[in-house]
């Protein structure tokens, strides 16, 4: 999870994502609403990548955030 979110929230590129989730990390799905409706991880939050910058206030900054998408390209941004 390199890129903007990892730098913004201070996560390392090689994080133990399972442990992070078990300890309250936020799973952020950056796919479109249509893609999200087709299937998503339990307890994930959907904010599409194209609207992320205007919705950052909806995310808790005291918790690690793990971004996911269909292929990994958008969540890497």
C-alpha atoms as a PDB file:
ATOM      1  CA  UNK A   1       0.000   0.000   0.000  1.00  0.00           C
ATOM      2  CA  UNK A   2       2.470   2.570  -1.147  1.00  0.00           C
ATOM      3  CA  UNK A   3       1.512   6.012  -2.259  1.00  0.00           C
ATOM      4  CA  UNK A   4      -0.579   8.822  -0.909  1.00  0.00           C
ATOM      5  CA  UNK A   5      -2.456   7.096   1.908  1.00  0.00           C
ATOM      6  CA  UNK A   6       0.553   5.276   3.313  1.00  0.00           C
ATOM      7  CA  UNK A   7       2.543   8.520   3.397  1.00  0.00           C
ATOM      8  CA  UNK A   8      -0.406  10.565   4.693  1.00  0.00           C
ATOM      9  CA  UNK A   9      -1.198   8.164   7.516  1.00  0.00           C
ATOM     10  CA  UNK A  10       2.358   6.982   8.198  1.00  0.00           C
ATOM     11  CA  UNK A  11       2.127   3.304   7.237  1.00  0.00           C
ATOM     12  CA  UNK A  12       5.088   1.291   6.077  1.00  0.00           C
ATOM     13  CA  UNK A  13       5.005  -0.371   2.643  1.00  0.00           C
ATOM     14  CA  UNK A  14       5.448  -3.789   4.273  1.00  0.00           C
ATOM     15  CA  UNK A  15       2.756  -3.815   6.916  1.00  0.00           C
ATOM     16  CA  UNK A  16       1.016  -6.789   8.517  1.00  0.00           C
ATOM     17  CA  UNK A  17      -2.440  -5.982   7.192  1.00  0.00           C
ATOM     18  CA  UNK A  18      -4.169  -8.797   9.074  1.00  0.00           C
ATOM     19  CA  UNK A  19      -2.808  -7.502  12.373  1.00  0.00           C
ATOM     20  CA  UNK A  20      -3.721  -3.935  11.449  1.00  0.00           C
ATOM     21  CA  UNK A  21      -7.327  -4.960  10.719  1.00  0.00           C
ATOM     22  CA  UNK A  22      -7.541  -6.971  13.934  1.00  0.00           C
ATOM     23  CA  UNK A  23      -6.451  -3.832  15.789  1.00  0.00           C
ATOM     24  CA  UNK A  24      -9.041  -1.515  14.250  1.00  0.00           C
ATOM     25  CA  UNK A  25      -7.558  -0.362  10.949  1.00  0.00           C
ATOM     26  CA  UNK A  26     -10.014   1.059   8.428  1.00  0.00           C
ATOM     27  CA  UNK A  27     -10.462  -0.892   5.195  1.00  0.00           C
ATOM     28  CA  UNK A  28     -11.042   1.739   2.508  1.00  0.00           C
ATOM     29  CA  UNK A  29     -12.405   0.519  -0.823  1.00  0.00           C
ATOM     30  CA  UNK A  30     -11.583   3.123  -3.485  1.00  0.00           C
ATOM     31  CA  UNK A  31     -13.569   1.502  -6.296  1.00  0.00           C
ATOM     32  CA  UNK A  32     -16.652   3.140  -7.805  1.00  0.00           C
ATOM     33  CA  UNK A  33     -20.019   2.713  -6.072  1.00  0.00           C
ATOM     34  CA  UNK A  34     -21.108   0.351  -8.855  1.00  0.00           C
ATOM     35  CA  UNK A  35     -18.056  -1.875  -8.362  1.00  0.00           C
ATOM     36  CA  UNK A  36     -18.516  -1.804  -4.588  1.00  0.00           C
ATOM     37  CA  UNK A  37     -22.159  -2.940  -4.904  1.00  0.00           C
ATOM     38  CA  UNK A  38     -21.007  -6.013  -6.855  1.00  0.00           C
ATOM     39  CA  UNK A  39     -19.158  -7.254  -3.786  1.00  0.00           C
ATOM     40  CA  UNK A  40     -16.986  -5.855  -1.063  1.00  0.00           C
ATOM     41  CA  UNK A  41     -15.133  -6.879   2.055  1.00  0.00           C
ATOM     42  CA  UNK A  42     -17.153  -6.907   5.250  1.00  0.00           C
ATOM     43  CA  UNK A  43     -16.883  -3.640   7.206  1.00  0.00           C
ATOM     44  CA  UNK A  44     -15.115  -1.820   4.381  1.00  0.00           C
ATOM     45  CA  UNK A  45     -15.832   1.828   3.662  1.00  0.00           C
ATOM     46  CA  UNK A  46     -16.395   2.910   0.069  1.00  0.00           C
ATOM     47  CA  UNK A  47     -15.063   6.254  -1.091  1.00  0.00           C
ATOM     48  CA  UNK A  48     -14.202   6.224  -4.781  1.00  0.00           C
ATOM     49  CA  UNK A  49     -10.719   7.380  -5.675  1.00  0.00           C
ATOM     50  CA  UNK A  50     -12.031  10.273  -7.756  1.00  0.00           C
ATOM     51  CA  UNK A  51     -13.849  11.706  -4.712  1.00  0.00           C
ATOM     52  CA  UNK A  52     -11.304  10.784  -2.050  1.00  0.00           C
ATOM     53  CA  UNK A  53      -9.634  14.168  -1.727  1.00  0.00           C
ATOM     54  CA  UNK A  54     -12.958  15.863  -0.985  1.00  0.00           C
ATOM     55  CA  UNK A  55     -13.951  13.158   1.527  1.00  0.00           C
ATOM     56  CA  UNK A  56     -10.809  12.799   3.648  1.00  0.00           C
ATOM     57  CA  UNK A  57     -12.630  14.346   6.591  1.00  0.00           C
ATOM     58  CA  UNK A  58     -14.838  11.225   6.740  1.00  0.00           C
ATOM     59  CA  UNK A  59     -11.823   9.082   7.672  1.00  0.00           C
ATOM     60  CA  UNK A  60     -10.447   8.775  11.185  1.00  0.00           C
ATOM     61  CA  UNK A  61      -6.862   9.891  11.167  1.00  0.00           C
ATOM     62  CA  UNK A  62      -6.015   8.107  14.417  1.00  0.00           C
ATOM     63  CA  UNK A  63      -6.421   4.661  12.797  1.00  0.00           C
ATOM     64  CA  UNK A  64      -4.350   3.048  10.051  1.00  0.00           C
ATOM     65  CA  UNK A  65      -6.116   2.982   6.685  1.00  0.00           C
ATOM     66  CA  UNK A  66      -5.726   0.135   4.221  1.00  0.00           C
ATOM     67  CA  UNK A  67      -6.856   1.065   0.708  1.00  0.00           C
ATOM     68  CA  UNK A  68      -8.114  -1.625  -1.656  1.00  0.00           C
ATOM     69  CA  UNK A  69      -9.503  -1.766  -5.194  1.00  0.00           C
ATOM     70  CA  UNK A  70     -10.078  -4.379  -7.884  1.00  0.00           C
ATOM     71  CA  UNK A  71      -6.539  -4.664  -9.243  1.00  0.00           C
ATOM     72  CA  UNK A  72      -4.369  -2.666  -6.862  1.00  0.00           C
ATOM     73  CA  UNK A  73      -3.729   0.203  -9.246  1.00  0.00           C
ATOM     74  CA  UNK A  74      -6.158   2.720  -7.717  1.00  0.00           C
ATOM     75  CA  UNK A  75      -5.393   1.815  -4.105  1.00  0.00           C
ATOM     76  CA  UNK A  76      -1.692   2.308  -4.820  1.00  0.00           C
ATOM     77  CA  UNK A  77      -2.296   5.960  -5.787  1.00  0.00           C
END
